């Protein structure tokens, strides 16, 4: 069975389990994750799962648990309301050979990539997730279709450094996009972000020419993105999607120009 470093696999394994008490679905995983948390019978299954996920991030820094689709938890916007959201998740389409070779032919700079290794590890404290990410400011949002019967809204999204993509949400977006002339961190502004996974970025790695090229090829592949909206006081909230948000960088130049920011998500 996967270890702590593969937390999402454990959650997927447990996602179809049934327990007598709803909150036991989380309590029964304390031992599997080697965590020591108080058992609070009477709390909701949503909050017991939230406490478990918060402790997993706090102890291991494993943010694979952010890969889910469905309804967000009231405990934290980056966590799902139910463990069933960890059932099989579609994988983004793999990059084509042409895209990979194009990325490798672009000018590269190991200096531009070293900032990846200086980013802080994810941490969860006081119901706030501090997360380092590649940030892609949303510039255009177009409503493509709606399905009133299932409360489904499909949008075409344009974001800096990414190819246009579609997302499907269960709620209508209140804010459209960043407008030229307003601060990039304006309240309500939308960001598509790519969390930095420590497993893929070894802190001891040496970015020689070959390693730099390989890293650019890896970062040039499609990835699972999170959609964030800006709140007051420099905080963000994740907007849950009902389908996977598969994003694709434009090219290696856009990767090198992407900003790495640390977000405080509630």
C-alpha atoms as a PDB file:
ATOM      1  CA  UNK A   1       0.000   0.000   0.000  1.00  0.00           C
ATOM      2  CA  UNK A   2       1.331   3.493  -0.785  1.00  0.00           C
ATOM      3  CA  UNK A   3       3.133   5.366   1.963  1.00  0.00           C
ATOM      4  CA  UNK A   4       2.652   8.863   3.284  1.00  0.00           C
ATOM      5  CA  UNK A   5       4.418  10.260   0.239  1.00  0.00           C
ATOM      6  CA  UNK A   6       1.545   8.942  -1.886  1.00  0.00           C
ATOM      7  CA  UNK A   7      -1.328  10.226   0.213  1.00  0.00           C
ATOM      8  CA  UNK A   8      -3.813  10.535  -2.618  1.00  0.00           C
ATOM      9  CA  UNK A   9      -3.535   6.828  -3.471  1.00  0.00           C
ATOM     10  CA  UNK A  10      -4.530   5.962   0.083  1.00  0.00           C
ATOM     11  CA  UNK A  11      -7.477   8.307  -0.072  1.00  0.00           C
ATOM     12  CA  UNK A  12      -8.547   6.816  -3.390  1.00  0.00           C
ATOM     13  CA  UNK A  13      -8.300   3.340  -1.866  1.00  0.00           C
ATOM     14  CA  UNK A  14     -10.550   4.449   1.014  1.00  0.00           C
ATOM     15  CA  UNK A  15     -13.009   6.470  -1.092  1.00  0.00           C
ATOM     16  CA  UNK A  16     -15.465   3.600  -1.570  1.00  0.00           C
ATOM     17  CA  UNK A  17     -15.454   2.420   2.056  1.00  0.00           C
ATOM     18  CA  UNK A  18     -18.575   2.561   4.211  1.00  0.00           C
ATOM     19  CA  UNK A  19     -18.642   3.102   7.980  1.00  0.00           C
ATOM     20  CA  UNK A  20     -21.396   3.013  10.600  1.00  0.00           C
ATOM     21  CA  UNK A  21     -20.644   6.554  11.737  1.00  0.00           C
ATOM     22  CA  UNK A  22     -19.963   9.002   8.867  1.00  0.00           C
ATOM     23  CA  UNK A  23     -17.029  10.586  10.709  1.00  0.00           C
ATOM     24  CA  UNK A  24     -15.344   7.179  11.045  1.00  0.00           C
ATOM     25  CA  UNK A  25     -14.387   7.306   7.360  1.00  0.00           C
ATOM     26  CA  UNK A  26     -11.673   9.767   8.393  1.00  0.00           C
ATOM     27  CA  UNK A  27     -10.923   8.338  11.854  1.00  0.00           C
ATOM     28  CA  UNK A  28     -10.256   4.903  10.352  1.00  0.00           C
ATOM     29  CA  UNK A  29      -7.410   6.414   8.303  1.00  0.00           C
ATOM     30  CA  UNK A  30      -5.493   7.939  11.220  1.00  0.00           C
ATOM     31  CA  UNK A  31      -3.486   4.749  11.699  1.00  0.00           C
ATOM     32  CA  UNK A  32      -2.864   4.277   7.972  1.00  0.00           C
ATOM     33  CA  UNK A  33      -1.306   7.734   7.828  1.00  0.00           C
ATOM     34  CA  UNK A  34       0.414   7.264  11.215  1.00  0.00           C
ATOM     35  CA  UNK A  35      -1.298  10.379  12.552  1.00  0.00           C
ATOM     36  CA  UNK A  36      -2.369  11.098  16.117  1.00  0.00           C
ATOM     37  CA  UNK A  37      -5.512  13.231  16.198  1.00  0.00           C
ATOM     38  CA  UNK A  38      -8.370  13.439  18.697  1.00  0.00           C
ATOM     39  CA  UNK A  39     -11.491  11.454  17.845  1.00  0.00           C
ATOM     40  CA  UNK A  40     -14.443  13.845  18.176  1.00  0.00           C
ATOM     41  CA  UNK A  41     -17.612  11.831  17.779  1.00  0.00           C
ATOM     42  CA  UNK A  42     -20.478  14.078  16.829  1.00  0.00           C
ATOM     43  CA  UNK A  43     -18.507  16.247  14.419  1.00  0.00           C
ATOM     44  CA  UNK A  44     -19.466  16.069  10.760  1.00  0.00           C
ATOM     45  CA  UNK A  45     -17.745  13.717   8.330  1.00  0.00           C
ATOM     46  CA  UNK A  46     -16.782  16.831   6.383  1.00  0.00           C
ATOM     47  CA  UNK A  47     -14.848  18.315   9.298  1.00  0.00           C
ATOM     48  CA  UNK A  48     -13.244  15.025  10.349  1.00  0.00           C
ATOM     49  CA  UNK A  49     -11.971  14.594   6.783  1.00  0.00           C
ATOM     50  CA  UNK A  50     -10.777  18.202   6.791  1.00  0.00           C
ATOM     51  CA  UNK A  51      -8.781  17.684   9.989  1.00  0.00           C
ATOM     52  CA  UNK A  52      -7.205  14.568   8.497  1.00  0.00           C
ATOM     53  CA  UNK A  53      -6.192  16.315   5.259  1.00  0.00           C
ATOM     54  CA  UNK A  54      -4.831  19.330   7.128  1.00  0.00           C
ATOM     55  CA  UNK A  55      -2.632  17.057   9.235  1.00  0.00           C
ATOM     56  CA  UNK A  56      -1.390  15.149   6.181  1.00  0.00           C
ATOM     57  CA  UNK A  57      -0.165  18.404   4.640  1.00  0.00           C
ATOM     58  CA  UNK A  58       1.267  19.625   7.943  1.00  0.00           C
ATOM     59  CA  UNK A  59       3.226  16.407   8.542  1.00  0.00           C
ATOM     60  CA  UNK A  60       4.296  15.493   5.014  1.00  0.00           C
ATOM     61  CA  UNK A  61       3.825  18.483   2.712  1.00  0.00           C
ATOM     62  CA  UNK A  62       2.084  16.083   0.319  1.00  0.00           C
ATOM     63  CA  UNK A  63      -0.249  18.182  -1.834  1.00  0.00           C
ATOM     64  CA  UNK A  64      -1.393  15.337  -4.077  1.00  0.00           C
ATOM     65  CA  UNK A  65      -4.513  15.465  -1.896  1.00  0.00           C
ATOM     66  CA  UNK A  66      -5.483  18.676  -3.719  1.00  0.00           C
ATOM     67  CA  UNK A  67      -6.222  16.625  -6.858  1.00  0.00           C
ATOM     68  CA  UNK A  68      -9.978  16.111  -6.706  1.00  0.00           C
ATOM     69  CA  UNK A  69     -13.177  17.296  -8.381  1.00  0.00           C
ATOM     70  CA  UNK A  70     -16.558  17.879  -6.768  1.00  0.00           C
ATOM     71  CA  UNK A  71     -17.950  19.967  -3.917  1.00  0.00           C
ATOM     72  CA  UNK A  72     -15.598  21.943  -1.696  1.00  0.00           C
ATOM     73  CA  UNK A  73     -15.573  21.449   2.073  1.00  0.00           C
ATOM     74  CA  UNK A  74     -16.775  24.060   4.532  1.00  0.00           C
ATOM     75  CA  UNK A  75     -13.634  23.204   6.517  1.00  0.00           C
ATOM     76  CA  UNK A  76     -11.359  24.541   3.758  1.00  0.00           C
ATOM     77  CA  UNK A  77     -11.889  25.418   0.104  1.00  0.00           C
ATOM     78  CA  UNK A  78      -8.952  23.240  -1.037  1.00  0.00           C
ATOM     79  CA  UNK A  79     -10.431  20.093   0.531  1.00  0.00           C
ATOM     80  CA  UNK A  80     -13.410  18.094  -0.766  1.00  0.00           C
ATOM     81  CA  UNK A  81     -16.624  17.793   1.208  1.00  0.00           C
ATOM     82  CA  UNK A  82     -16.629  14.005   0.769  1.00  0.00           C
ATOM     83  CA  UNK A  83     -13.927  11.390   0.407  1.00  0.00           C
ATOM     84  CA  UNK A  84     -15.675  10.048  -2.710  1.00  0.00           C
ATOM     85  CA  UNK A  85     -14.132  13.001  -4.573  1.00  0.00           C
ATOM     86  CA  UNK A  86     -10.889  10.984  -4.530  1.00  0.00           C
ATOM     87  CA  UNK A  87     -12.264   8.234  -6.719  1.00  0.00           C
ATOM     88  CA  UNK A  88     -10.542   7.759 -10.064  1.00  0.00           C
ATOM     89  CA  UNK A  89      -9.457  11.118 -11.433  1.00  0.00           C
ATOM     90  CA  UNK A  90      -8.992  11.623 -15.196  1.00  0.00           C
ATOM     91  CA  UNK A  91      -5.393  12.195 -16.246  1.00  0.00           C
ATOM     92  CA  UNK A  92      -4.608  15.237 -18.423  1.00  0.00           C
ATOM     93  CA  UNK A  93      -3.765  14.350 -22.027  1.00  0.00           C
ATOM     94  CA  UNK A  94      -0.060  13.723 -22.495  1.00  0.00           C
ATOM     95  CA  UNK A  95       1.986  16.184 -24.451  1.00  0.00           C
ATOM     96  CA  UNK A  96       2.751  15.418 -28.073  1.00  0.00           C
ATOM     97  CA  UNK A  97       6.230  14.712 -29.400  1.00  0.00           C
ATOM     98  CA  UNK A  98       6.057  17.949 -31.353  1.00  0.00           C
ATOM     99  CA  UNK A  99       5.301  19.983 -28.226  1.00  0.00           C
ATOM    100  CA  UNK A 100       8.164  18.367 -26.309  1.00  0.00           C
ATOM    101  CA  UNK A 101      10.695  18.942 -29.054  1.00  0.00           C
ATOM    102  CA  UNK A 102       9.505  22.528 -29.484  1.00  0.00           C
ATOM    103  CA  UNK A 103       9.971  23.137 -25.769  1.00  0.00           C
ATOM    104  CA  UNK A 104      13.492  21.741 -25.835  1.00  0.00           C
ATOM    105  CA  UNK A 105      14.504  24.026 -28.711  1.00  0.00           C
ATOM    106  CA  UNK A 106      13.492  27.218 -26.884  1.00  0.00           C
ATOM    107  CA  UNK A 107      16.210  29.285 -25.156  1.00  0.00           C
ATOM    108  CA  UNK A 108      16.572  28.177 -21.554  1.00  0.00           C
ATOM    109  CA  UNK A 109      17.940  29.681 -18.387  1.00  0.00           C
ATOM    110  CA  UNK A 110      18.812  27.637 -15.330  1.00  0.00           C
ATOM    111  CA  UNK A 111      18.902  30.899 -13.348  1.00  0.00           C
ATOM    112  CA  UNK A 112      15.244  31.516 -14.164  1.00  0.00           C
ATOM    113  CA  UNK A 113      14.359  28.066 -12.820  1.00  0.00           C
ATOM    114  CA  UNK A 114      16.377  28.198  -9.600  1.00  0.00           C
ATOM    115  CA  UNK A 115      13.611  30.210  -7.966  1.00  0.00           C
ATOM    116  CA  UNK A 116      11.643  26.948  -7.915  1.00  0.00           C
ATOM    117  CA  UNK A 117      13.987  25.540  -5.292  1.00  0.00           C
ATOM    118  CA  UNK A 118      13.740  28.605  -3.054  1.00  0.00           C
ATOM    119  CA  UNK A 119       9.967  28.392  -2.718  1.00  0.00           C
ATOM    120  CA  UNK A 120       8.691  27.404   0.749  1.00  0.00           C
ATOM    121  CA  UNK A 121       7.168  24.018   1.461  1.00  0.00           C
ATOM    122  CA  UNK A 122       3.352  23.917   1.747  1.00  0.00           C
ATOM    123  CA  UNK A 123       2.015  24.306   5.266  1.00  0.00           C
ATOM    124  CA  UNK A 124      -1.392  24.383   6.934  1.00  0.00           C
ATOM    125  CA  UNK A 125      -1.980  26.463  10.037  1.00  0.00           C
ATOM    126  CA  UNK A 126      -5.045  28.138  11.561  1.00  0.00           C
ATOM    127  CA  UNK A 127      -7.270  26.882   8.743  1.00  0.00           C
ATOM    128  CA  UNK A 128      -5.024  28.551   6.175  1.00  0.00           C
ATOM    129  CA  UNK A 129      -3.037  26.730   3.488  1.00  0.00           C
ATOM    130  CA  UNK A 130       0.179  28.459   2.405  1.00  0.00           C
ATOM    131  CA  UNK A 131       1.012  27.164  -1.052  1.00  0.00           C
ATOM    132  CA  UNK A 132       3.705  28.067  -3.591  1.00  0.00           C
ATOM    133  CA  UNK A 133       2.497  27.910  -7.189  1.00  0.00           C
ATOM    134  CA  UNK A 134       3.138  28.940 -10.733  1.00  0.00           C
ATOM    135  CA  UNK A 135       0.499  31.657 -11.147  1.00  0.00           C
ATOM    136  CA  UNK A 136      -1.349  32.420 -14.367  1.00  0.00           C
ATOM    137  CA  UNK A 137      -3.562  35.504 -14.220  1.00  0.00           C
ATOM    138  CA  UNK A 138      -6.954  34.974 -15.871  1.00  0.00           C
ATOM    139  CA  UNK A 139      -7.478  37.637 -18.539  1.00  0.00           C
ATOM    140  CA  UNK A 140     -10.693  36.521 -20.258  1.00  0.00           C
ATOM    141  CA  UNK A 141     -13.721  34.499 -19.153  1.00  0.00           C
ATOM    142  CA  UNK A 142     -16.414  33.547 -21.665  1.00  0.00           C
ATOM    143  CA  UNK A 143     -19.589  31.692 -20.677  1.00  0.00           C
ATOM    144  CA  UNK A 144     -19.975  28.915 -23.260  1.00  0.00           C
ATOM    145  CA  UNK A 145     -23.016  27.003 -22.030  1.00  0.00           C
ATOM    146  CA  UNK A 146     -25.285  26.413 -19.061  1.00  0.00           C
ATOM    147  CA  UNK A 147     -27.293  23.397 -17.931  1.00  0.00           C
ATOM    148  CA  UNK A 148     -29.990  24.522 -15.464  1.00  0.00           C
ATOM    149  CA  UNK A 149     -31.015  20.933 -14.718  1.00  0.00           C
ATOM    150  CA  UNK A 150     -27.591  20.138 -13.221  1.00  0.00           C
ATOM    151  CA  UNK A 151     -26.479  23.668 -12.263  1.00  0.00           C
ATOM    152  CA  UNK A 152     -23.557  23.361 -14.654  1.00  0.00           C
ATOM    153  CA  UNK A 153     -21.675  26.298 -16.175  1.00  0.00           C
ATOM    154  CA  UNK A 154     -18.981  25.840 -18.808  1.00  0.00           C
ATOM    155  CA  UNK A 155     -16.502  28.657 -19.395  1.00  0.00           C
ATOM    156  CA  UNK A 156     -13.716  29.317 -21.842  1.00  0.00           C
ATOM    157  CA  UNK A 157     -10.758  30.681 -19.914  1.00  0.00           C
ATOM    158  CA  UNK A 158      -7.764  32.626 -21.185  1.00  0.00           C
ATOM    159  CA  UNK A 159      -4.844  33.040 -18.766  1.00  0.00           C
ATOM    160  CA  UNK A 160      -1.336  34.415 -19.145  1.00  0.00           C
ATOM    161  CA  UNK A 161       1.147  31.781 -20.297  1.00  0.00           C
ATOM    162  CA  UNK A 162      -1.491  29.098 -20.901  1.00  0.00           C
ATOM    163  CA  UNK A 163      -3.345  27.868 -23.936  1.00  0.00           C
ATOM    164  CA  UNK A 164      -7.126  28.608 -23.834  1.00  0.00           C
ATOM    165  CA  UNK A 165      -9.051  25.974 -21.880  1.00  0.00           C
ATOM    166  CA  UNK A 166     -12.560  25.117 -20.760  1.00  0.00           C
ATOM    167  CA  UNK A 167     -13.739  24.551 -17.204  1.00  0.00           C
ATOM    168  CA  UNK A 168     -17.061  23.359 -15.826  1.00  0.00           C
ATOM    169  CA  UNK A 169     -18.317  24.712 -12.507  1.00  0.00           C
ATOM    170  CA  UNK A 170     -21.385  24.001 -10.403  1.00  0.00           C
ATOM    171  CA  UNK A 171     -21.790  27.696  -9.599  1.00  0.00           C
ATOM    172  CA  UNK A 172     -21.785  30.744 -11.829  1.00  0.00           C
ATOM    173  CA  UNK A 173     -18.693  32.918 -11.617  1.00  0.00           C
ATOM    174  CA  UNK A 174     -19.386  36.265  -9.992  1.00  0.00           C
ATOM    175  CA  UNK A 175     -16.228  37.863 -11.362  1.00  0.00           C
ATOM    176  CA  UNK A 176     -15.145  37.658 -14.960  1.00  0.00           C
ATOM    177  CA  UNK A 177     -11.433  38.461 -15.117  1.00  0.00           C
ATOM    178  CA  UNK A 178      -8.660  40.894 -14.403  1.00  0.00           C
ATOM    179  CA  UNK A 179      -9.056  44.159 -16.278  1.00  0.00           C
ATOM    180  CA  UNK A 180      -6.115  46.113 -17.737  1.00  0.00           C
ATOM    181  CA  UNK A 181      -5.199  49.005 -15.480  1.00  0.00           C
ATOM    182  CA  UNK A 182      -6.249  47.430 -12.173  1.00  0.00           C
ATOM    183  CA  UNK A 183      -3.771  45.821  -9.752  1.00  0.00           C
ATOM    184  CA  UNK A 184      -2.952  42.220 -10.503  1.00  0.00           C
ATOM    185  CA  UNK A 185      -3.946  41.314  -6.954  1.00  0.00           C
ATOM    186  CA  UNK A 186      -7.284  43.151  -7.076  1.00  0.00           C
ATOM    187  CA  UNK A 187     -10.036  41.612  -4.959  1.00  0.00           C
ATOM    188  CA  UNK A 188     -12.032  39.150  -7.024  1.00  0.00           C
ATOM    189  CA  UNK A 189      -9.279  38.602  -9.584  1.00  0.00           C
ATOM    190  CA  UNK A 190      -8.987  35.023 -10.798  1.00  0.00           C
ATOM    191  CA  UNK A 191      -5.808  32.960 -10.975  1.00  0.00           C
ATOM    192  CA  UNK A 192      -5.129  29.553 -12.486  1.00  0.00           C
ATOM    193  CA  UNK A 193      -2.298  28.041 -10.477  1.00  0.00           C
ATOM    194  CA  UNK A 194      -0.003  25.044 -10.642  1.00  0.00           C
ATOM    195  CA  UNK A 195       1.056  23.951  -7.130  1.00  0.00           C
ATOM    196  CA  UNK A 196       4.744  23.156  -6.775  1.00  0.00           C
ATOM    197  CA  UNK A 197       5.170  19.508  -5.854  1.00  0.00           C
ATOM    198  CA  UNK A 198       8.309  18.915  -3.793  1.00  0.00           C
ATOM    199  CA  UNK A 199       8.593  15.371  -5.184  1.00  0.00           C
ATOM    200  CA  UNK A 200       9.123  16.690  -8.707  1.00  0.00           C
ATOM    201  CA  UNK A 201      11.593  19.363  -7.576  1.00  0.00           C
ATOM    202  CA  UNK A 202      14.416  17.797  -5.616  1.00  0.00           C
ATOM    203  CA  UNK A 203      16.049  20.474  -3.510  1.00  0.00           C
ATOM    204  CA  UNK A 204      19.449  18.909  -4.073  1.00  0.00           C
ATOM    205  CA  UNK A 205      19.127  18.814  -7.856  1.00  0.00           C
ATOM    206  CA  UNK A 206      21.806  20.492  -9.921  1.00  0.00           C
ATOM    207  CA  UNK A 207      20.373  22.443 -12.815  1.00  0.00           C
ATOM    208  CA  UNK A 208      22.975  21.812 -15.461  1.00  0.00           C
ATOM    209  CA  UNK A 209      22.028  22.218 -19.127  1.00  0.00           C
ATOM    210  CA  UNK A 210      20.606  18.698 -19.474  1.00  0.00           C
ATOM    211  CA  UNK A 211      18.633  18.912 -16.228  1.00  0.00           C
ATOM    212  CA  UNK A 212      17.255  22.307 -17.211  1.00  0.00           C
ATOM    213  CA  UNK A 213      16.060  20.995 -20.561  1.00  0.00           C
ATOM    214  CA  UNK A 214      14.409  17.984 -18.918  1.00  0.00           C
ATOM    215  CA  UNK A 215      12.721  20.150 -16.307  1.00  0.00           C
ATOM    216  CA  UNK A 216      11.325  22.419 -19.013  1.00  0.00           C
ATOM    217  CA  UNK A 217       9.950  19.415 -20.899  1.00  0.00           C
ATOM    218  CA  UNK A 218       8.295  18.189 -17.687  1.00  0.00           C
ATOM    219  CA  UNK A 219       6.838  21.610 -16.875  1.00  0.00           C
ATOM    220  CA  UNK A 220       5.630  21.956 -20.470  1.00  0.00           C
ATOM    221  CA  UNK A 221       3.238  19.034 -20.152  1.00  0.00           C
ATOM    222  CA  UNK A 222      -0.464  19.432 -19.294  1.00  0.00           C
ATOM    223  CA  UNK A 223      -1.149  19.708 -15.575  1.00  0.00           C
ATOM    224  CA  UNK A 224      -4.025  19.784 -13.096  1.00  0.00           C
ATOM    225  CA  UNK A 225      -4.735  23.429 -12.300  1.00  0.00           C
ATOM    226  CA  UNK A 226      -6.556  25.042  -9.383  1.00  0.00           C
ATOM    227  CA  UNK A 227      -8.820  28.053  -9.904  1.00  0.00           C
ATOM    228  CA  UNK A 228      -8.431  30.691  -7.182  1.00  0.00           C
ATOM    229  CA  UNK A 229     -10.289  33.916  -6.537  1.00  0.00           C
ATOM    230  CA  UNK A 230      -8.812  36.843  -4.600  1.00  0.00           C
ATOM    231  CA  UNK A 231     -10.418  37.752  -1.252  1.00  0.00           C
ATOM    232  CA  UNK A 232      -9.743  40.775   0.990  1.00  0.00           C
ATOM    233  CA  UNK A 233      -6.560  40.864   3.091  1.00  0.00           C
ATOM    234  CA  UNK A 234      -4.432  39.029   0.496  1.00  0.00           C
ATOM    235  CA  UNK A 235      -6.240  35.724   0.930  1.00  0.00           C
ATOM    236  CA  UNK A 236      -7.560  33.390  -1.743  1.00  0.00           C
ATOM    237  CA  UNK A 237     -10.298  30.817  -2.059  1.00  0.00           C
ATOM    238  CA  UNK A 238     -10.376  27.812  -4.361  1.00  0.00           C
ATOM    239  CA  UNK A 239     -13.329  27.580  -6.721  1.00  0.00           C
ATOM    240  CA  UNK A 240     -14.239  23.897  -6.952  1.00  0.00           C
ATOM    241  CA  UNK A 241     -14.773  22.403 -10.391  1.00  0.00           C
ATOM    242  CA  UNK A 242     -17.010  19.510 -11.401  1.00  0.00           C
ATOM    243  CA  UNK A 243     -14.486  18.357 -14.008  1.00  0.00           C
ATOM    244  CA  UNK A 244     -10.719  18.313 -14.142  1.00  0.00           C
ATOM    245  CA  UNK A 245      -9.068  21.634 -15.062  1.00  0.00           C
ATOM    246  CA  UNK A 246      -6.385  20.486 -17.523  1.00  0.00           C
ATOM    247  CA  UNK A 247      -4.067  23.371 -18.406  1.00  0.00           C
ATOM    248  CA  UNK A 248      -1.294  23.482 -21.004  1.00  0.00           C
ATOM    249  CA  UNK A 249       1.579  26.013 -21.059  1.00  0.00           C
ATOM    250  CA  UNK A 250       2.006  27.877 -24.343  1.00  0.00           C
ATOM    251  CA  UNK A 251       5.725  27.048 -24.664  1.00  0.00           C
ATOM    252  CA  UNK A 252       8.942  26.958 -22.654  1.00  0.00           C
ATOM    253  CA  UNK A 253       9.350  30.725 -22.916  1.00  0.00           C
ATOM    254  CA  UNK A 254       6.021  31.184 -21.129  1.00  0.00           C
ATOM    255  CA  UNK A 255       7.206  28.774 -18.424  1.00  0.00           C
ATOM    256  CA  UNK A 256      10.362  30.780 -17.806  1.00  0.00           C
ATOM    257  CA  UNK A 257       8.310  33.971 -17.649  1.00  0.00           C
ATOM    258  CA  UNK A 258       5.678  32.540 -15.299  1.00  0.00           C
ATOM    259  CA  UNK A 259       5.542  33.998 -11.817  1.00  0.00           C
ATOM    260  CA  UNK A 260       5.997  31.851  -8.739  1.00  0.00           C
ATOM    261  CA  UNK A 261       3.849  33.175  -5.922  1.00  0.00           C
ATOM    262  CA  UNK A 262       2.989  32.016  -2.435  1.00  0.00           C
ATOM    263  CA  UNK A 263      -0.775  32.049  -1.849  1.00  0.00           C
ATOM    264  CA  UNK A 264      -2.624  32.052   1.468  1.00  0.00           C
ATOM    265  CA  UNK A 265      -5.739  30.001   0.774  1.00  0.00           C
ATOM    266  CA  UNK A 266      -8.704  29.737   3.145  1.00  0.00           C
END
